């Protein structure tokens, strides 16, 4: 049984449910942090930490000493060479320390070929570095996160105005999945030696359009929620306004590049965000929650992001 798991991205939104799931399953998570005190004052203050720089090979090799497995949630990087270095450093850390398995959450759909979005194509490079390592691996490619709805760029409008705004065209079908279910798949892959190394596309049990999400939200909250289909450009402008105070989006800025994912999704003949769970259901025991099941677990009276405290701690 692998016990000590080096967790990359522990302070981010996707790291919280992973830490919880690991501990519940009897693993010892070791959070790799730039600032090893970043979790102090949060619900994860008791988690073991090690100082590490994801972009420094030797730092990653040192951080992985005595580690059985690596579980990675990685930041989106819009410089492909930097993204490739993340994958190469994870592979080096695993190879130098005899790490048995790597599990990686790509945090997005990953196509079989490059699509000229540097963040997406960088994900492909990270995947390849992990595949080429000496460790067993499970790479999870989620479609879109349900938890996007409870982030600060989305939740206040749902709670205060009854508006769910998202950069998806009205007929874009998406198999939404929650972060807790992504973490569950990652932990199951770590818990079982019989799961074959591979890439696993994952999504929830149903593919829904925006109006269907709004209908479920209305049912769960007891008030009318309306879907507002944003264009990717409107989304980029809104994100820029929220973070910088300016709605002006510079070409190739982080906001423009984030919107690039949805430009791709919205222009495909068939939605790439529909999950066919037939294959993964044959291998994994876990079954992900429906959108309505997930929504019923959330607090829709509070407009604040429940993950904000730990995420802000990670920025210190």
C-alpha atoms as a PDB file:
ATOM      1  CA  UNK A   1       0.000   0.000   0.000  1.00  0.00           C
ATOM      2  CA  UNK A   2       1.331   3.405  -0.964  1.00  0.00           C
ATOM      3  CA  UNK A   3       1.084   5.635   2.072  1.00  0.00           C
ATOM      4  CA  UNK A   4       3.009   8.897   1.603  1.00  0.00           C
ATOM      5  CA  UNK A   5       1.614  10.989  -1.241  1.00  0.00           C
ATOM      6  CA  UNK A   6       3.251  14.220  -2.409  1.00  0.00           C
ATOM      7  CA  UNK A   7       0.396  16.584  -3.264  1.00  0.00           C
ATOM      8  CA  UNK A   8       1.057  19.313  -5.820  1.00  0.00           C
ATOM      9  CA  UNK A   9      -1.423  22.183  -5.835  1.00  0.00           C
ATOM     10  CA  UNK A  10      -2.544  21.431  -2.289  1.00  0.00           C
ATOM     11  CA  UNK A  11      -3.677  24.973  -1.496  1.00  0.00           C
ATOM     12  CA  UNK A  12      -5.681  25.427  -4.703  1.00  0.00           C
ATOM     13  CA  UNK A  13      -9.392  24.734  -5.075  1.00  0.00           C
ATOM     14  CA  UNK A  14      -8.707  21.291  -6.478  1.00  0.00           C
ATOM     15  CA  UNK A  15      -6.273  20.403  -3.694  1.00  0.00           C
ATOM     16  CA  UNK A  16      -8.751  20.726  -0.818  1.00  0.00           C
ATOM     17  CA  UNK A  17     -10.977  17.742  -1.645  1.00  0.00           C
ATOM     18  CA  UNK A  18      -7.902  15.731  -2.627  1.00  0.00           C
ATOM     19  CA  UNK A  19      -6.283  16.257   0.792  1.00  0.00           C
ATOM     20  CA  UNK A  20      -9.542  15.303   2.494  1.00  0.00           C
ATOM     21  CA  UNK A  21     -10.061  12.185   0.375  1.00  0.00           C
ATOM     22  CA  UNK A  22      -6.450  11.057   0.877  1.00  0.00           C
ATOM     23  CA  UNK A  23      -6.684  11.351   4.652  1.00  0.00           C
ATOM     24  CA  UNK A  24     -10.083   9.612   4.752  1.00  0.00           C
ATOM     25  CA  UNK A  25      -8.560   6.713   2.782  1.00  0.00           C
ATOM     26  CA  UNK A  26      -5.646   6.338   5.220  1.00  0.00           C
ATOM     27  CA  UNK A  27      -2.920   8.017   3.163  1.00  0.00           C
ATOM     28  CA  UNK A  28      -0.438  10.544   4.525  1.00  0.00           C
ATOM     29  CA  UNK A  29      -0.533  13.580   2.227  1.00  0.00           C
ATOM     30  CA  UNK A  30       2.593  15.731   2.070  1.00  0.00           C
ATOM     31  CA  UNK A  31       1.792  19.143   0.613  1.00  0.00           C
ATOM     32  CA  UNK A  32       4.517  20.541  -1.653  1.00  0.00           C
ATOM     33  CA  UNK A  33       4.453  24.301  -1.082  1.00  0.00           C
ATOM     34  CA  UNK A  34       6.595  27.301  -1.963  1.00  0.00           C
ATOM     35  CA  UNK A  35       5.810  28.556   1.539  1.00  0.00           C
ATOM     36  CA  UNK A  36       5.675  25.498   3.835  1.00  0.00           C
ATOM     37  CA  UNK A  37       3.679  27.514   6.409  1.00  0.00           C
ATOM     38  CA  UNK A  38       0.921  28.401   3.922  1.00  0.00           C
ATOM     39  CA  UNK A  39      -1.624  25.989   5.415  1.00  0.00           C
ATOM     40  CA  UNK A  40      -1.291  27.369   8.950  1.00  0.00           C
ATOM     41  CA  UNK A  41      -4.566  28.867  10.144  1.00  0.00           C
ATOM     42  CA  UNK A  42      -6.633  26.726   7.758  1.00  0.00           C
ATOM     43  CA  UNK A  43      -8.498  23.459   8.207  1.00  0.00           C
ATOM     44  CA  UNK A  44      -5.425  21.699   6.784  1.00  0.00           C
ATOM     45  CA  UNK A  45      -2.922  23.115   9.300  1.00  0.00           C
ATOM     46  CA  UNK A  46      -2.100  19.579  10.512  1.00  0.00           C
ATOM     47  CA  UNK A  47      -1.082  18.344   7.034  1.00  0.00           C
ATOM     48  CA  UNK A  48       2.646  17.619   6.634  1.00  0.00           C
ATOM     49  CA  UNK A  49       4.378  20.020   4.247  1.00  0.00           C
ATOM     50  CA  UNK A  50       7.628  20.224   2.321  1.00  0.00           C
ATOM     51  CA  UNK A  51       9.128  23.222   0.573  1.00  0.00           C
ATOM     52  CA  UNK A  52       9.169  22.844  -3.198  1.00  0.00           C
ATOM     53  CA  UNK A  53       9.353  24.868  -6.380  1.00  0.00           C
ATOM     54  CA  UNK A  54       7.453  23.125  -9.174  1.00  0.00           C
ATOM     55  CA  UNK A  55       9.649  24.813 -11.783  1.00  0.00           C
ATOM     56  CA  UNK A  56      12.956  23.719 -10.218  1.00  0.00           C
ATOM     57  CA  UNK A  57      14.044  20.161 -10.976  1.00  0.00           C
ATOM     58  CA  UNK A  58      16.318  19.681  -7.972  1.00  0.00           C
ATOM     59  CA  UNK A  59      13.741  21.152  -5.617  1.00  0.00           C
ATOM     60  CA  UNK A  60      11.157  18.648  -6.855  1.00  0.00           C
ATOM     61  CA  UNK A  61      13.583  15.731  -6.571  1.00  0.00           C
ATOM     62  CA  UNK A  62      14.338  16.718  -2.972  1.00  0.00           C
ATOM     63  CA  UNK A  63      10.651  17.137  -2.130  1.00  0.00           C
ATOM     64  CA  UNK A  64       9.880  13.604  -3.337  1.00  0.00           C
ATOM     65  CA  UNK A  65      12.360  11.833  -1.053  1.00  0.00           C
ATOM     66  CA  UNK A  66      10.594   9.093   0.913  1.00  0.00           C
ATOM     67  CA  UNK A  67       7.440   9.523  -1.190  1.00  0.00           C
ATOM     68  CA  UNK A  68       5.411   6.579  -2.518  1.00  0.00           C
ATOM     69  CA  UNK A  69       3.220   8.461  -5.009  1.00  0.00           C
ATOM     70  CA  UNK A  70       2.646  11.914  -6.490  1.00  0.00           C
ATOM     71  CA  UNK A  71      -0.828  13.443  -6.898  1.00  0.00           C
ATOM     72  CA  UNK A  72      -0.786  16.575  -9.037  1.00  0.00           C
ATOM     73  CA  UNK A  73      -3.189  19.441  -9.613  1.00  0.00           C
ATOM     74  CA  UNK A  74      -1.176  21.983 -11.591  1.00  0.00           C
ATOM     75  CA  UNK A  75      -1.649  25.660 -12.455  1.00  0.00           C
ATOM     76  CA  UNK A  76      -2.589  26.618 -15.995  1.00  0.00           C
ATOM     77  CA  UNK A  77       0.536  27.933 -17.683  1.00  0.00           C
ATOM     78  CA  UNK A  78       0.258  29.930 -20.901  1.00  0.00           C
ATOM     79  CA  UNK A  79       3.920  29.426 -21.779  1.00  0.00           C
ATOM     80  CA  UNK A  80       4.283  25.981 -23.293  1.00  0.00           C
ATOM     81  CA  UNK A  81       7.944  25.583 -22.328  1.00  0.00           C
ATOM     82  CA  UNK A  82       7.115  26.372 -18.697  1.00  0.00           C
ATOM     83  CA  UNK A  83       4.277  23.856 -18.802  1.00  0.00           C
ATOM     84  CA  UNK A  84       6.594  21.209 -20.211  1.00  0.00           C
ATOM     85  CA  UNK A  85       9.034  21.878 -17.366  1.00  0.00           C
ATOM     86  CA  UNK A  86       6.293  21.022 -14.853  1.00  0.00           C
ATOM     87  CA  UNK A  87       5.881  17.591 -16.422  1.00  0.00           C
ATOM     88  CA  UNK A  88       9.599  17.007 -16.764  1.00  0.00           C
ATOM     89  CA  UNK A  89      10.212  17.937 -13.113  1.00  0.00           C
ATOM     90  CA  UNK A  90       7.474  15.614 -11.878  1.00  0.00           C
ATOM     91  CA  UNK A  91       8.937  12.784 -13.954  1.00  0.00           C
ATOM     92  CA  UNK A  92      12.456  13.517 -12.663  1.00  0.00           C
ATOM     93  CA  UNK A  93      11.225  13.575  -9.053  1.00  0.00           C
ATOM     94  CA  UNK A  94       9.494  10.224  -9.565  1.00  0.00           C
ATOM     95  CA  UNK A  95      12.395   8.564 -11.386  1.00  0.00           C
ATOM     96  CA  UNK A  96      15.090   9.722  -8.954  1.00  0.00           C
ATOM     97  CA  UNK A  97      13.137   8.557  -5.908  1.00  0.00           C
ATOM     98  CA  UNK A  98      11.534   5.358  -7.173  1.00  0.00           C
ATOM     99  CA  UNK A  99       8.029   6.806  -6.836  1.00  0.00           C
ATOM    100  CA  UNK A 100       5.560   4.039  -7.655  1.00  0.00           C
ATOM    101  CA  UNK A 101       2.674   5.985  -9.175  1.00  0.00           C
ATOM    102  CA  UNK A 102       1.725   9.433 -10.476  1.00  0.00           C
ATOM    103  CA  UNK A 103      -1.881  10.610 -10.649  1.00  0.00           C
ATOM    104  CA  UNK A 104      -2.542  13.849 -12.515  1.00  0.00           C
ATOM    105  CA  UNK A 105      -5.711  15.914 -12.853  1.00  0.00           C
ATOM    106  CA  UNK A 106      -5.378  17.878 -16.105  1.00  0.00           C
ATOM    107  CA  UNK A 107      -8.173  20.242 -14.933  1.00  0.00           C
ATOM    108  CA  UNK A 108      -9.570  20.386 -18.473  1.00  0.00           C
ATOM    109  CA  UNK A 109     -10.475  18.459 -21.608  1.00  0.00           C
ATOM    110  CA  UNK A 110      -7.347  17.400 -23.488  1.00  0.00           C
ATOM    111  CA  UNK A 111      -7.603  16.702 -27.218  1.00  0.00           C
ATOM    112  CA  UNK A 112      -5.585  14.069 -29.054  1.00  0.00           C
ATOM    113  CA  UNK A 113      -3.748  16.796 -30.999  1.00  0.00           C
ATOM    114  CA  UNK A 114      -2.524  20.333 -30.376  1.00  0.00           C
ATOM    115  CA  UNK A 115      -5.125  23.073 -30.841  1.00  0.00           C
ATOM    116  CA  UNK A 116      -2.852  26.146 -30.652  1.00  0.00           C
ATOM    117  CA  UNK A 117      -3.965  27.049 -27.128  1.00  0.00           C
ATOM    118  CA  UNK A 118      -0.667  27.080 -25.229  1.00  0.00           C
ATOM    119  CA  UNK A 119      -2.276  26.101 -21.903  1.00  0.00           C
ATOM    120  CA  UNK A 120      -4.073  23.153 -23.502  1.00  0.00           C
ATOM    121  CA  UNK A 121      -1.051  22.045 -25.521  1.00  0.00           C
ATOM    122  CA  UNK A 122       1.149  22.400 -22.440  1.00  0.00           C
ATOM    123  CA  UNK A 123      -1.175  19.917 -20.725  1.00  0.00           C
ATOM    124  CA  UNK A 124      -0.383  17.455 -23.510  1.00  0.00           C
ATOM    125  CA  UNK A 125       3.343  17.952 -22.860  1.00  0.00           C
ATOM    126  CA  UNK A 126       2.873  17.337 -19.119  1.00  0.00           C
ATOM    127  CA  UNK A 127       0.917  14.175 -19.883  1.00  0.00           C
ATOM    128  CA  UNK A 128       3.654  12.908 -22.175  1.00  0.00           C
ATOM    129  CA  UNK A 129       6.385  13.498 -19.570  1.00  0.00           C
ATOM    130  CA  UNK A 130       4.377  11.502 -17.014  1.00  0.00           C
ATOM    131  CA  UNK A 131       3.683   8.712 -19.525  1.00  0.00           C
ATOM    132  CA  UNK A 132       7.407   8.542 -20.322  1.00  0.00           C
ATOM    133  CA  UNK A 133       8.406   8.345 -16.641  1.00  0.00           C
ATOM    134  CA  UNK A 134       9.258   5.081 -14.921  1.00  0.00           C
ATOM    135  CA  UNK A 135       6.217   5.263 -12.633  1.00  0.00           C
ATOM    136  CA  UNK A 136       2.771   3.787 -13.140  1.00  0.00           C
ATOM    137  CA  UNK A 137       0.269   6.579 -13.829  1.00  0.00           C
ATOM    138  CA  UNK A 138      -3.378   7.565 -14.071  1.00  0.00           C
ATOM    139  CA  UNK A 139      -4.152  10.798 -15.898  1.00  0.00           C
ATOM    140  CA  UNK A 140      -7.655  12.192 -15.374  1.00  0.00           C
ATOM    141  CA  UNK A 141      -9.068  14.578 -17.960  1.00  0.00           C
ATOM    142  CA  UNK A 142     -12.224  16.175 -16.498  1.00  0.00           C
ATOM    143  CA  UNK A 143     -14.654  18.040 -18.729  1.00  0.00           C
ATOM    144  CA  UNK A 144     -15.821  21.099 -16.721  1.00  0.00           C
ATOM    145  CA  UNK A 145     -16.007  21.554 -12.948  1.00  0.00           C
ATOM    146  CA  UNK A 146     -19.326  22.038 -11.171  1.00  0.00           C
ATOM    147  CA  UNK A 147     -17.325  23.952  -8.572  1.00  0.00           C
ATOM    148  CA  UNK A 148     -16.839  26.782 -11.083  1.00  0.00           C
ATOM    149  CA  UNK A 149     -20.351  27.825 -10.042  1.00  0.00           C
ATOM    150  CA  UNK A 150     -19.292  28.500  -6.436  1.00  0.00           C
ATOM    151  CA  UNK A 151     -16.231  30.578  -7.292  1.00  0.00           C
ATOM    152  CA  UNK A 152     -16.126  34.359  -6.771  1.00  0.00           C
ATOM    153  CA  UNK A 153     -16.564  35.006 -10.501  1.00  0.00           C
ATOM    154  CA  UNK A 154     -19.874  33.123 -10.573  1.00  0.00           C
ATOM    155  CA  UNK A 155     -21.521  32.504  -7.212  1.00  0.00           C
ATOM    156  CA  UNK A 156     -22.451  36.111  -6.259  1.00  0.00           C
ATOM    157  CA  UNK A 157     -24.569  36.538  -9.412  1.00  0.00           C
ATOM    158  CA  UNK A 158     -26.341  33.229  -8.758  1.00  0.00           C
ATOM    159  CA  UNK A 159     -27.041  34.041  -5.095  1.00  0.00           C
ATOM    160  CA  UNK A 160     -27.794  37.781  -5.367  1.00  0.00           C
ATOM    161  CA  UNK A 161     -29.277  38.133  -8.864  1.00  0.00           C
ATOM    162  CA  UNK A 162     -30.526  34.693  -9.804  1.00  0.00           C
ATOM    163  CA  UNK A 163     -28.257  34.648 -12.860  1.00  0.00           C
ATOM    164  CA  UNK A 164     -25.952  31.809 -13.865  1.00  0.00           C
ATOM    165  CA  UNK A 165     -23.609  33.286 -16.482  1.00  0.00           C
ATOM    166  CA  UNK A 166     -21.186  31.049 -18.352  1.00  0.00           C
ATOM    167  CA  UNK A 167     -19.223  31.157 -21.635  1.00  0.00           C
ATOM    168  CA  UNK A 168     -21.128  28.240 -23.157  1.00  0.00           C
ATOM    169  CA  UNK A 169     -23.391  28.611 -26.184  1.00  0.00           C
ATOM    170  CA  UNK A 170     -27.021  27.693 -25.379  1.00  0.00           C
ATOM    171  CA  UNK A 171     -26.798  24.207 -26.951  1.00  0.00           C
ATOM    172  CA  UNK A 172     -23.307  23.254 -25.689  1.00  0.00           C
ATOM    173  CA  UNK A 173     -23.660  19.941 -23.867  1.00  0.00           C
ATOM    174  CA  UNK A 174     -21.303  19.532 -20.886  1.00  0.00           C
ATOM    175  CA  UNK A 175     -20.786  16.542 -18.590  1.00  0.00           C
ATOM    176  CA  UNK A 176     -20.085  18.595 -15.463  1.00  0.00           C
ATOM    177  CA  UNK A 177     -18.104  16.913 -12.661  1.00  0.00           C
ATOM    178  CA  UNK A 178     -17.385  18.103  -9.128  1.00  0.00           C
ATOM    179  CA  UNK A 179     -13.898  18.367  -7.660  1.00  0.00           C
ATOM    180  CA  UNK A 180     -14.720  15.888  -4.905  1.00  0.00           C
ATOM    181  CA  UNK A 181     -15.421  13.238  -7.559  1.00  0.00           C
ATOM    182  CA  UNK A 182     -12.154  14.037  -9.373  1.00  0.00           C
ATOM    183  CA  UNK A 183     -10.354  13.569  -6.048  1.00  0.00           C
ATOM    184  CA  UNK A 184     -12.212  10.293  -5.495  1.00  0.00           C
ATOM    185  CA  UNK A 185     -10.992   8.940  -8.835  1.00  0.00           C
ATOM    186  CA  UNK A 186      -7.418  10.015  -8.035  1.00  0.00           C
ATOM    187  CA  UNK A 187      -7.495   8.329  -4.625  1.00  0.00           C
ATOM    188  CA  UNK A 188      -9.013   5.140  -6.040  1.00  0.00           C
ATOM    189  CA  UNK A 189      -6.178   5.013  -8.583  1.00  0.00           C
ATOM    190  CA  UNK A 190      -3.691   5.300  -5.698  1.00  0.00           C
ATOM    191  CA  UNK A 191      -5.511   2.693  -3.616  1.00  0.00           C
ATOM    192  CA  UNK A 192      -5.581  -0.046  -6.249  1.00  0.00           C
ATOM    193  CA  UNK A 193      -2.665  -1.757  -7.974  1.00  0.00           C
ATOM    194  CA  UNK A 194      -4.895  -3.343 -10.621  1.00  0.00           C
ATOM    195  CA  UNK A 195      -5.837  -0.102 -12.397  1.00  0.00           C
ATOM    196  CA  UNK A 196      -3.941   0.067 -15.694  1.00  0.00           C
ATOM    197  CA  UNK A 197      -1.813   3.094 -16.487  1.00  0.00           C
ATOM    198  CA  UNK A 198      -3.693   5.343 -18.873  1.00  0.00           C
ATOM    199  CA  UNK A 199      -5.536   8.542 -19.677  1.00  0.00           C
ATOM    200  CA  UNK A 200      -9.097   8.658 -18.363  1.00  0.00           C
ATOM    201  CA  UNK A 201     -11.624  11.219 -19.584  1.00  0.00           C
ATOM    202  CA  UNK A 202     -14.081  11.857 -16.755  1.00  0.00           C
ATOM    203  CA  UNK A 203     -17.379  13.669 -16.429  1.00  0.00           C
ATOM    204  CA  UNK A 204     -20.627  13.486 -14.549  1.00  0.00           C
ATOM    205  CA  UNK A 205     -23.417  11.016 -15.366  1.00  0.00           C
ATOM    206  CA  UNK A 206     -25.323  13.427 -17.641  1.00  0.00           C
ATOM    207  CA  UNK A 207     -24.547  15.979 -20.357  1.00  0.00           C
ATOM    208  CA  UNK A 208     -26.469  19.203 -19.782  1.00  0.00           C
ATOM    209  CA  UNK A 209     -26.943  22.584 -21.471  1.00  0.00           C
ATOM    210  CA  UNK A 210     -26.964  25.835 -19.494  1.00  0.00           C
ATOM    211  CA  UNK A 211     -30.754  26.094 -19.220  1.00  0.00           C
ATOM    212  CA  UNK A 212     -30.852  22.621 -17.636  1.00  0.00           C
ATOM    213  CA  UNK A 213     -28.307  23.685 -14.997  1.00  0.00           C
ATOM    214  CA  UNK A 214     -30.386  26.779 -14.274  1.00  0.00           C
ATOM    215  CA  UNK A 215     -33.473  24.576 -13.917  1.00  0.00           C
ATOM    216  CA  UNK A 216     -31.679  22.340 -11.378  1.00  0.00           C
ATOM    217  CA  UNK A 217     -30.387  25.385  -9.498  1.00  0.00           C
ATOM    218  CA  UNK A 218     -33.912  26.814  -9.372  1.00  0.00           C
ATOM    219  CA  UNK A 219     -35.189  23.537  -7.914  1.00  0.00           C
ATOM    220  CA  UNK A 220     -32.433  23.323  -5.296  1.00  0.00           C
ATOM    221  CA  UNK A 221     -32.471  26.996  -4.240  1.00  0.00           C
ATOM    222  CA  UNK A 222     -36.237  27.454  -4.370  1.00  0.00           C
ATOM    223  CA  UNK A 223     -35.908  30.595  -6.500  1.00  0.00           C
ATOM    224  CA  UNK A 224     -35.741  31.255 -10.213  1.00  0.00           C
ATOM    225  CA  UNK A 225     -32.245  31.016 -11.667  1.00  0.00           C
ATOM    226  CA  UNK A 226     -31.756  32.089 -15.289  1.00  0.00           C
ATOM    227  CA  UNK A 227     -28.915  31.030 -17.592  1.00  0.00           C
ATOM    228  CA  UNK A 228     -27.028  33.824 -19.349  1.00  0.00           C
ATOM    229  CA  UNK A 229     -24.994  32.466 -22.258  1.00  0.00           C
ATOM    230  CA  UNK A 230     -21.845  34.585 -22.455  1.00  0.00           C
ATOM    231  CA  UNK A 231     -19.595  34.742 -25.480  1.00  0.00           C
ATOM    232  CA  UNK A 232     -15.969  33.875 -24.689  1.00  0.00           C
ATOM    233  CA  UNK A 233     -15.111  37.560 -25.236  1.00  0.00           C
ATOM    234  CA  UNK A 234     -17.750  38.665 -22.722  1.00  0.00           C
ATOM    235  CA  UNK A 235     -16.376  36.113 -20.269  1.00  0.00           C
ATOM    236  CA  UNK A 236     -12.801  37.385 -20.740  1.00  0.00           C
ATOM    237  CA  UNK A 237     -13.938  40.978 -20.247  1.00  0.00           C
ATOM    238  CA  UNK A 238     -15.841  40.109 -17.072  1.00  0.00           C
ATOM    239  CA  UNK A 239     -12.910  38.175 -15.616  1.00  0.00           C
ATOM    240  CA  UNK A 240     -10.547  41.057 -16.401  1.00  0.00           C
ATOM    241  CA  UNK A 241     -12.926  43.544 -14.765  1.00  0.00           C
ATOM    242  CA  UNK A 242     -13.236  41.383 -11.640  1.00  0.00           C
ATOM    243  CA  UNK A 243      -9.484  40.940 -11.181  1.00  0.00           C
ATOM    244  CA  UNK A 244      -7.941  44.125 -12.612  1.00  0.00           C
ATOM    245  CA  UNK A 245     -10.791  46.634 -12.477  1.00  0.00           C
ATOM    246  CA  UNK A 246     -10.657  47.042 -16.256  1.00  0.00           C
ATOM    247  CA  UNK A 247     -12.911  45.314 -18.783  1.00  0.00           C
ATOM    248  CA  UNK A 248     -10.328  45.889 -21.517  1.00  0.00           C
ATOM    249  CA  UNK A 249      -8.879  42.547 -22.625  1.00  0.00           C
ATOM    250  CA  UNK A 250      -5.461  42.600 -24.239  1.00  0.00           C
ATOM    251  CA  UNK A 251      -4.848  40.023 -26.989  1.00  0.00           C
ATOM    252  CA  UNK A 252      -2.974  36.989 -25.605  1.00  0.00           C
ATOM    253  CA  UNK A 253      -3.577  38.156 -22.030  1.00  0.00           C
ATOM    254  CA  UNK A 254      -4.418  35.495 -19.439  1.00  0.00           C
ATOM    255  CA  UNK A 255      -8.118  36.402 -19.752  1.00  0.00           C
ATOM    256  CA  UNK A 256      -8.090  36.129 -23.525  1.00  0.00           C
ATOM    257  CA  UNK A 257      -6.299  32.796 -23.284  1.00  0.00           C
ATOM    258  CA  UNK A 258      -8.710  31.484 -20.678  1.00  0.00           C
ATOM    259  CA  UNK A 259     -11.564  32.364 -23.024  1.00  0.00           C
ATOM    260  CA  UNK A 260      -9.683  30.496 -25.751  1.00  0.00           C
ATOM    261  CA  UNK A 261     -10.735  27.185 -24.192  1.00  0.00           C
ATOM    262  CA  UNK A 262     -14.394  28.113 -24.645  1.00  0.00           C
ATOM    263  CA  UNK A 263     -13.851  29.477 -28.142  1.00  0.00           C
ATOM    264  CA  UNK A 264     -12.641  25.984 -29.015  1.00  0.00           C
ATOM    265  CA  UNK A 265     -15.466  24.186 -27.191  1.00  0.00           C
ATOM    266  CA  UNK A 266     -18.175  26.411 -28.687  1.00  0.00           C
ATOM    267  CA  UNK A 267     -17.018  25.986 -32.275  1.00  0.00           C
ATOM    268  CA  UNK A 268     -16.756  22.181 -32.500  1.00  0.00           C
ATOM    269  CA  UNK A 269     -19.389  20.289 -34.506  1.00  0.00           C
ATOM    270  CA  UNK A 270     -19.848  17.882 -31.586  1.00  0.00           C
ATOM    271  CA  UNK A 271     -19.244  19.046 -28.034  1.00  0.00           C
ATOM    272  CA  UNK A 272     -15.899  17.701 -26.772  1.00  0.00           C
ATOM    273  CA  UNK A 273     -17.274  18.122 -23.250  1.00  0.00           C
ATOM    274  CA  UNK A 274     -19.593  15.102 -23.321  1.00  0.00           C
ATOM    275  CA  UNK A 275     -18.225  12.223 -21.253  1.00  0.00           C
ATOM    276  CA  UNK A 276     -18.721   8.616 -22.233  1.00  0.00           C
ATOM    277  CA  UNK A 277     -18.274   6.858 -18.894  1.00  0.00           C
ATOM    278  CA  UNK A 278     -18.603   3.324 -20.293  1.00  0.00           C
ATOM    279  CA  UNK A 279     -14.860   2.633 -20.229  1.00  0.00           C
ATOM    280  CA  UNK A 280     -14.062   4.177 -16.845  1.00  0.00           C
ATOM    281  CA  UNK A 281     -17.069   2.477 -15.228  1.00  0.00           C
ATOM    282  CA  UNK A 282     -15.584  -0.889 -16.170  1.00  0.00           C
ATOM    283  CA  UNK A 283     -12.351  -0.079 -14.315  1.00  0.00           C
ATOM    284  CA  UNK A 284     -13.269   2.226 -11.418  1.00  0.00           C
ATOM    285  CA  UNK A 285     -15.798   1.573  -8.679  1.00  0.00           C
ATOM    286  CA  UNK A 286     -16.463   5.274  -8.058  1.00  0.00           C
ATOM    287  CA  UNK A 287     -19.565   6.844  -9.591  1.00  0.00           C
ATOM    288  CA  UNK A 288     -19.728  10.655  -9.819  1.00  0.00           C
ATOM    289  CA  UNK A 289     -22.616  12.766  -8.536  1.00  0.00           C
ATOM    290  CA  UNK A 290     -25.216  14.313 -10.805  1.00  0.00           C
ATOM    291  CA  UNK A 291     -25.313  18.102 -11.009  1.00  0.00           C
ATOM    292  CA  UNK A 292     -28.463  18.257  -8.904  1.00  0.00           C
ATOM    293  CA  UNK A 293     -26.948  16.032  -6.202  1.00  0.00           C
ATOM    294  CA  UNK A 294     -23.889  18.278  -6.039  1.00  0.00           C
ATOM    295  CA  UNK A 295     -25.931  21.492  -6.085  1.00  0.00           C
ATOM    296  CA  UNK A 296     -28.052  20.261  -3.172  1.00  0.00           C
ATOM    297  CA  UNK A 297     -24.885  20.032  -1.034  1.00  0.00           C
ATOM    298  CA  UNK A 298     -23.943  23.696  -1.570  1.00  0.00           C
ATOM    299  CA  UNK A 299     -24.914  26.780   0.458  1.00  0.00           C
ATOM    300  CA  UNK A 300     -26.756  29.050  -1.995  1.00  0.00           C
ATOM    301  CA  UNK A 301     -27.539  31.666   0.662  1.00  0.00           C
ATOM    302  CA  UNK A 302     -23.891  32.764   1.009  1.00  0.00           C
ATOM    303  CA  UNK A 303     -22.315  34.483  -2.042  1.00  0.00           C
ATOM    304  CA  UNK A 304     -18.738  33.845  -0.908  1.00  0.00           C
ATOM    305  CA  UNK A 305     -16.458  31.146  -2.309  1.00  0.00           C
ATOM    306  CA  UNK A 306     -16.051  28.405   0.361  1.00  0.00           C
ATOM    307  CA  UNK A 307     -12.524  27.601  -0.871  1.00  0.00           C
ATOM    308  CA  UNK A 308     -11.293  31.191  -0.667  1.00  0.00           C
ATOM    309  CA  UNK A 309      -9.618  31.039   2.758  1.00  0.00           C
ATOM    310  CA  UNK A 310      -7.306  28.132   1.929  1.00  0.00           C
ATOM    311  CA  UNK A 311      -6.592  29.502  -1.564  1.00  0.00           C
ATOM    312  CA  UNK A 312      -5.606  32.902  -0.158  1.00  0.00           C
ATOM    313  CA  UNK A 313      -3.424  31.201   2.463  1.00  0.00           C
ATOM    314  CA  UNK A 314      -1.596  29.481  -0.369  1.00  0.00           C
ATOM    315  CA  UNK A 315      -0.742  32.854  -1.901  1.00  0.00           C
ATOM    316  CA  UNK A 316       1.179  33.977   1.160  1.00  0.00           C
END
